[in-house]
Amino acid sequence: MSLTKWFGENWVDISRPKKGGGFEKCGRTKAGKKKYPKCVPAAKAARMTPAQRKSAIRRKRAVKQGVGGKPTNVSTFAKKKGRRRQKRARRG
């Protein structure tokens, strides 16, 4: 993805839904200093289920923010926990 496209996207804060639908624009001016925003492009936010949004917000807020003066990023979607394949015992 080009940086130009990245800046051109409409970024929203999925932790602040609007009453009529959609989400507030990304940023912390109205969110206050208590809760950290979880920002994603509006198109991605629209495709996410409520459980996925809740999970992303919880993971973002569980991590210490601003370490070394840099913003903290977390993955938008949790990694899937797959079943491990067990080795079969050889019959001999």
C-alpha atoms as a PDB file:
ATOM      1  CA  MET A   1       0.000   0.000   0.000  1.00  0.00           C
ATOM      2  CA  SER A   2       1.365   3.383  -0.920  1.00  0.00           C
ATOM      3  CA  LEU A   3       1.699   6.118   1.649  1.00  0.00           C
ATOM      4  CA  THR A   4      -0.480   8.387  -0.501  1.00  0.00           C
ATOM      5  CA  LYS A   5      -3.320   5.853  -0.401  1.00  0.00           C
ATOM      6  CA  TRP A   6      -2.823   5.347   3.355  1.00  0.00           C
ATOM      7  CA  PHE A   7      -3.226   9.080   4.009  1.00  0.00           C
ATOM      8  CA  GLY A   8      -6.216   9.249   1.668  1.00  0.00           C
ATOM      9  CA  GLU A   9      -8.234   6.664   3.603  1.00  0.00           C
ATOM     10  CA  ASN A  10     -10.935   7.690   6.049  1.00  0.00           C
ATOM     11  CA  TRP A  11      -9.578   6.546   9.448  1.00  0.00           C
ATOM     12  CA  VAL A  12     -12.107   6.040  12.257  1.00  0.00           C
ATOM     13  CA  ASP A  13     -11.913   5.119  15.946  1.00  0.00           C
ATOM     14  CA  ILE A  14     -13.780   1.827  16.407  1.00  0.00           C
ATOM     15  CA  SER A  15     -13.954   2.387  20.174  1.00  0.00           C
ATOM     16  CA  ARG A  16     -16.286   5.394  19.703  1.00  0.00           C
ATOM     17  CA  PRO A  17     -19.433   4.440  17.744  1.00  0.00           C
ATOM     18  CA  LYS A  18     -21.869   7.182  16.714  1.00  0.00           C
ATOM     19  CA  LYS A  19     -25.529   6.982  17.703  1.00  0.00           C
ATOM     20  CA  GLY A  20     -26.784   6.978  14.102  1.00  0.00           C
ATOM     21  CA  GLY A  21     -24.220   4.415  12.931  1.00  0.00           C
ATOM     22  CA  GLY A  22     -20.605   4.641  11.904  1.00  0.00           C
ATOM     23  CA  PHE A  23     -17.713   5.784  14.065  1.00  0.00           C
ATOM     24  CA  GLU A  24     -16.058   9.014  15.168  1.00  0.00           C
ATOM     25  CA  LYS A  25     -12.997  10.196  13.254  1.00  0.00           C
ATOM     26  CA  CYS A  26      -9.679   8.959  14.542  1.00  0.00           C
ATOM     27  CA  GLY A  27      -7.994  11.114  17.160  1.00  0.00           C
ATOM     28  CA  ARG A  28      -8.108  11.900  20.846  1.00  0.00           C
ATOM     29  CA  THR A  29      -9.522  15.411  21.071  1.00  0.00           C
ATOM     30  CA  LYS A  30     -12.954  14.328  22.325  1.00  0.00           C
ATOM     31  CA  ALA A  31     -11.943  10.900  23.592  1.00  0.00           C
ATOM     32  CA  GLY A  32     -10.074  12.466  26.491  1.00  0.00           C
ATOM     33  CA  LYS A  33      -6.882  11.131  28.026  1.00  0.00           C
ATOM     34  CA  LYS A  34      -8.410   8.036  29.655  1.00  0.00           C
ATOM     35  CA  LYS A  35      -9.010   5.629  26.785  1.00  0.00           C
ATOM     36  CA  TYR A  36      -6.716   4.970  23.851  1.00  0.00           C
ATOM     37  CA  PRO A  37      -8.315   4.982  20.387  1.00  0.00           C
ATOM     38  CA  LYS A  38      -8.131   1.975  18.078  1.00  0.00           C
ATOM     39  CA  CYS A  39      -8.081   3.438  14.596  1.00  0.00           C
ATOM     40  CA  VAL A  40      -8.743   1.524  11.372  1.00  0.00           C
ATOM     41  CA  PRO A  41      -9.886   2.536   7.874  1.00  0.00           C
ATOM     42  CA  ALA A  42     -13.664   3.015   7.704  1.00  0.00           C
ATOM     43  CA  ALA A  43     -14.005   0.245   5.103  1.00  0.00           C
ATOM     44  CA  LYS A  44     -12.326  -2.259   7.429  1.00  0.00           C
ATOM     45  CA  ALA A  45     -14.395  -1.076  10.414  1.00  0.00           C
ATOM     46  CA  ALA A  46     -17.606  -1.692   8.462  1.00  0.00           C
ATOM     47  CA  ARG A  47     -16.551  -5.307   7.730  1.00  0.00           C
ATOM     48  CA  MET A  48     -15.661  -6.111  11.346  1.00  0.00           C
ATOM     49  CA  THR A  49     -18.103  -7.931  13.602  1.00  0.00           C
ATOM     50  CA  PRO A  50     -18.887  -6.467  17.053  1.00  0.00           C
ATOM     51  CA  ALA A  51     -16.807  -9.259  18.638  1.00  0.00           C
ATOM     52  CA  GLN A  52     -13.816  -8.434  16.409  1.00  0.00           C
ATOM     53  CA  ARG A  53     -14.055  -4.739  17.297  1.00  0.00           C
ATOM     54  CA  LYS A  54     -14.288  -5.524  21.006  1.00  0.00           C
ATOM     55  CA  SER A  55     -11.285  -7.851  20.796  1.00  0.00           C
ATOM     56  CA  ALA A  56      -9.166  -5.275  18.928  1.00  0.00           C
ATOM     57  CA  ILE A  57     -10.008  -2.522  21.416  1.00  0.00           C
ATOM     58  CA  ARG A  58      -9.261  -4.792  24.396  1.00  0.00           C
ATOM     59  CA  ARG A  59      -5.876  -5.847  22.970  1.00  0.00           C
ATOM     60  CA  LYS A  60      -4.930  -2.227  22.164  1.00  0.00           C
ATOM     61  CA  ARG A  61      -5.722  -1.021  25.678  1.00  0.00           C
ATOM     62  CA  ALA A  62      -3.993  -3.968  27.368  1.00  0.00           C
ATOM     63  CA  VAL A  63      -0.590  -2.914  25.975  1.00  0.00           C
ATOM     64  CA  LYS A  64       1.448  -0.149  27.589  1.00  0.00           C
ATOM     65  CA  GLN A  65       1.134   2.906  25.339  1.00  0.00           C
ATOM     66  CA  GLY A  66       3.798   5.327  24.198  1.00  0.00           C
ATOM     67  CA  VAL A  67       6.861   3.248  25.055  1.00  0.00           C
ATOM     68  CA  GLY A  68       9.959   5.279  24.194  1.00  0.00           C
ATOM     69  CA  GLY A  69       7.791   8.135  22.905  1.00  0.00           C
ATOM     70  CA  LYS A  70       6.473   5.994  20.047  1.00  0.00           C
ATOM     71  CA  PRO A  71       2.852   4.959  19.513  1.00  0.00           C
ATOM     72  CA  THR A  72       2.014   1.350  20.263  1.00  0.00           C
ATOM     73  CA  ASN A  73       0.484  -0.701  17.463  1.00  0.00           C
ATOM     74  CA  VAL A  74      -1.390  -3.977  17.803  1.00  0.00           C
ATOM     75  CA  SER A  75      -2.818  -6.226  15.131  1.00  0.00           C
ATOM     76  CA  THR A  76      -6.408  -5.411  14.189  1.00  0.00           C
ATOM     77  CA  PHE A  77      -7.356  -9.075  14.016  1.00  0.00           C
ATOM     78  CA  ALA A  78      -6.283 -11.670  16.594  1.00  0.00           C
ATOM     79  CA  LYS A  79      -4.220 -14.549  15.322  1.00  0.00           C
ATOM     80  CA  LYS A  80      -6.199 -17.714  14.858  1.00  0.00           C
ATOM     81  CA  LYS A  81      -5.360 -20.467  17.288  1.00  0.00           C
ATOM     82  CA  GLY A  82      -5.042 -23.553  15.166  1.00  0.00           C
ATOM     83  CA  ARG A  83      -4.871 -27.117  16.328  1.00  0.00           C
ATOM     84  CA  ARG A  84      -1.405 -28.557  16.367  1.00  0.00           C
ATOM     85  CA  ARG A  85      -0.925 -31.708  14.389  1.00  0.00           C
ATOM     86  CA  GLN A  86       0.306 -34.528  16.532  1.00  0.00           C
ATOM     87  CA  LYS A  87       2.900 -36.925  15.256  1.00  0.00           C
ATOM     88  CA  ARG A  88       1.544 -40.365  14.649  1.00  0.00           C
ATOM     89  CA  ALA A  89       3.189 -43.235  16.420  1.00  0.00           C
ATOM     90  CA  ARG A  90       4.672 -45.640  13.933  1.00  0.00           C
ATOM     91  CA  ARG A  91       3.519 -49.186  14.109  1.00  0.00           C
ATOM     92  CA  GLY A  92       6.355 -51.600  13.745  1.00  0.00           C
END
